[in-house]
C-alpha atoms as a PDB file:
ATOM      1  CA  MET A   1     -10.733 -16.114   4.948  1.00  0.00           C
ATOM      2  CA  SER A   2     -11.003 -14.757   1.527  1.00  0.00           C
ATOM      3  CA  VAL A   3     -11.573 -11.284   0.117  1.00  0.00           C
ATOM      4  CA  CYS A   4     -13.887 -10.524  -2.713  1.00  0.00           C
ATOM      5  CA  ILE A   5     -14.078  -7.447  -4.804  1.00  0.00           C
ATOM      6  CA  GLN A   6     -17.170  -6.335  -2.944  1.00  0.00           C
ATOM      7  CA  ASP A   7     -14.949  -5.930   0.127  1.00  0.00           C
ATOM      8  CA  LEU A   8     -12.811  -3.536  -1.937  1.00  0.00           C
ATOM      9  CA  ALA A   9     -15.713  -1.697  -3.586  1.00  0.00           C
ATOM     10  CA  LYS A  10     -14.494   1.368  -1.921  1.00  0.00           C
ATOM     11  CA  PRO A  11     -10.775   1.169  -2.199  1.00  0.00           C
ATOM     12  CA  GLU A  12     -10.394   4.501  -0.485  1.00  0.00           C
ATOM     13  CA  THR A  13     -11.351   2.798   2.847  1.00  0.00           C
ATOM     14  CA  PHE A  14      -8.854   0.058   2.501  1.00  0.00           C
ATOM     15  CA  SER A  15      -6.087   0.280   5.199  1.00  0.00           C
ATOM     16  CA  LEU A  16      -2.723  -1.481   5.151  1.00  0.00           C
ATOM     17  CA  TYR A  17      -3.160  -1.656   8.921  1.00  0.00           C
ATOM     18  CA  ALA A  18      -6.522  -3.362   9.069  1.00  0.00           C
ATOM     19  CA  GLN A  19      -6.587  -6.692  11.008  1.00  0.00           C
ATOM     20  CA  SER A  20      -8.196  -8.514   8.057  1.00  0.00           C
ATOM     21  CA  TYR A  21      -5.218  -7.467   5.847  1.00  0.00           C
ATOM     22  CA  PHE A  22      -2.824  -8.751   8.370  1.00  0.00           C
ATOM     23  CA  GLU A  23      -4.690 -12.069   8.734  1.00  0.00           C
ATOM     24  CA  ASP A  24      -4.829 -12.748   5.053  1.00  0.00           C
ATOM     25  CA  PRO A  25      -2.759 -10.284   2.808  1.00  0.00           C
ATOM     26  CA  TYR A  26      -2.617 -12.808  -0.120  1.00  0.00           C
ATOM     27  CA  SER A  27      -6.384 -12.573  -0.727  1.00  0.00           C
ATOM     28  CA  TYR A  28      -6.128  -8.827  -0.929  1.00  0.00           C
ATOM     29  CA  CYS A  29      -3.033  -9.063  -3.263  1.00  0.00           C
ATOM     30  CA  ARG A  30      -4.944 -11.427  -5.616  1.00  0.00           C
ATOM     31  CA  GLU A  31      -7.854  -8.947  -5.806  1.00  0.00           C
ATOM     32  CA  PHE A  32      -5.574  -5.978  -6.337  1.00  0.00           C
ATOM     33  CA  LEU A  33      -3.749  -7.823  -9.131  1.00  0.00           C
ATOM     34  CA  ALA A  34      -7.012  -8.880 -10.829  1.00  0.00           C
ATOM     35  CA  ASN A  35      -9.207  -5.791 -10.220  1.00  0.00           C
ATOM     36  CA  LEU A  36      -7.307  -2.796  -8.701  1.00  0.00           C
ATOM     37  CA  PRO A  37      -3.749  -2.954 -10.015  1.00  0.00           C
ATOM     38  CA  VAL A  38      -3.174   0.827  -9.200  1.00  0.00           C
ATOM     39  CA  PHE A  39      -5.316   3.011  -6.987  1.00  0.00           C
ATOM     40  CA  TYR A  40      -5.000   6.008  -4.669  1.00  0.00           C
ATOM     41  CA  ASN A  41      -5.773   5.489  -1.051  1.00  0.00           C
ATOM     42  CA  PRO A  42      -6.507   8.922   0.572  1.00  0.00           C
ATOM     43  CA  GLN A  43      -6.641   7.307   4.000  1.00  0.00           C
ATOM     44  CA  GLU A  44      -3.042   6.183   3.697  1.00  0.00           C
ATOM     45  CA  LYS A  45      -2.146   9.142   1.320  1.00  0.00           C
ATOM     46  CA  CYS A  46      -0.553   6.771  -1.081  1.00  0.00           C
ATOM     47  CA  PHE A  47      -0.845   5.022  -4.368  1.00  0.00           C
ATOM     48  CA  ILE A  48      -0.983   1.149  -4.113  1.00  0.00           C
ATOM     49  CA  VAL A  49       0.641  -0.473  -7.012  1.00  0.00           C
ATOM     50  CA  SER A  50       0.334  -4.273  -7.250  1.00  0.00           C
ATOM     51  CA  ARG A  51       1.532  -5.539 -10.683  1.00  0.00           C
ATOM     52  CA  TYR A  52       5.212  -6.359 -11.060  1.00  0.00           C
ATOM     53  CA  ASP A  53       5.752  -4.332 -14.290  1.00  0.00           C
ATOM     54  CA  ASP A  54       3.960  -1.341 -12.822  1.00  0.00           C
ATOM     55  CA  VAL A  55       6.002  -1.510  -9.628  1.00  0.00           C
ATOM     56  CA  LYS A  56       9.248  -1.886 -11.569  1.00  0.00           C
ATOM     57  CA  ARG A  57       8.353   1.196 -13.598  1.00  0.00           C
ATOM     58  CA  VAL A  58       7.577   3.249 -10.523  1.00  0.00           C
ATOM     59  CA  LEU A  59      10.792   2.209  -8.858  1.00  0.00           C
ATOM     60  CA  GLU A  60      12.857   2.842 -11.955  1.00  0.00           C
ATOM     61  CA  ASP A  61      11.322   6.263 -12.772  1.00  0.00           C
ATOM     62  CA  TYR A  62      11.529   8.033  -9.505  1.00  0.00           C
ATOM     63  CA  GLN A  63      11.488  11.506 -11.119  1.00  0.00           C
ATOM     64  CA  THR A  64       8.005  10.879 -12.530  1.00  0.00           C
ATOM     65  CA  PHE A  65       6.466   8.913  -9.681  1.00  0.00           C
ATOM     66  CA  GLY A  66       8.385  10.222  -6.582  1.00  0.00           C
ATOM     67  CA  SER A  67       6.442  12.258  -4.097  1.00  0.00           C
ATOM     68  CA  GLY A  68       9.327  14.312  -2.884  1.00  0.00           C
ATOM     69  CA  PHE A  69       8.443  13.482   0.736  1.00  0.00           C
ATOM     70  CA  GLY A  70      10.650  10.369   1.099  1.00  0.00           C
ATOM     71  CA  VAL A  71       9.744   7.675   3.499  1.00  0.00           C
ATOM     72  CA  LEU A  72       7.923   8.950   6.558  1.00  0.00           C
ATOM     73  CA  PRO A  73       7.684   6.913   9.861  1.00  0.00           C
ATOM     74  CA  LEU A  74       4.501   4.966  10.350  1.00  0.00           C
ATOM     75  CA  ARG A  75       4.013   6.405  13.843  1.00  0.00           C
ATOM     76  CA  LYS A  76       5.220   9.388  15.801  1.00  0.00           C
ATOM     77  CA  ASP A  77       7.112   7.126  18.199  1.00  0.00           C
ATOM     78  CA  ASP A  78      10.806   7.753  18.856  1.00  0.00           C
ATOM     79  CA  PRO A  79      12.732   6.280  15.923  1.00  0.00           C
ATOM     80  CA  GLU A  80      14.831   4.223  18.433  1.00  0.00           C
ATOM     81  CA  ASP A  81      11.572   2.315  19.139  1.00  0.00           C
ATOM     82  CA  TYR A  82      12.011   0.798  15.707  1.00  0.00           C
ATOM     83  CA  GLY A  83      15.610  -0.271  16.261  1.00  0.00           C
ATOM     84  CA  PHE A  84      17.196   2.185  13.903  1.00  0.00           C
ATOM     85  CA  ILE A  85      17.755   5.987  13.443  1.00  0.00           C
ATOM     86  CA  LEU A  86      15.892   7.801  10.690  1.00  0.00           C
END
């Protein structure tokens, strides 16, 4: 399976939880690197940053790029279901 930019013509519809992403994440990553290095995904309520230098800058400058919300659980399950306590 391969992903082409037409599949990502509407990046706002992309989901990190889509079956196609799980089946072949590398094709998506190649497209992100080449054509969508940074984009906002309203469905997931996050920015997706794919290029190393951009990711490094975001991680190093948390005051500029931090949301203030921290990391939220992916689901509303009991945290013990994940094998750790939040």
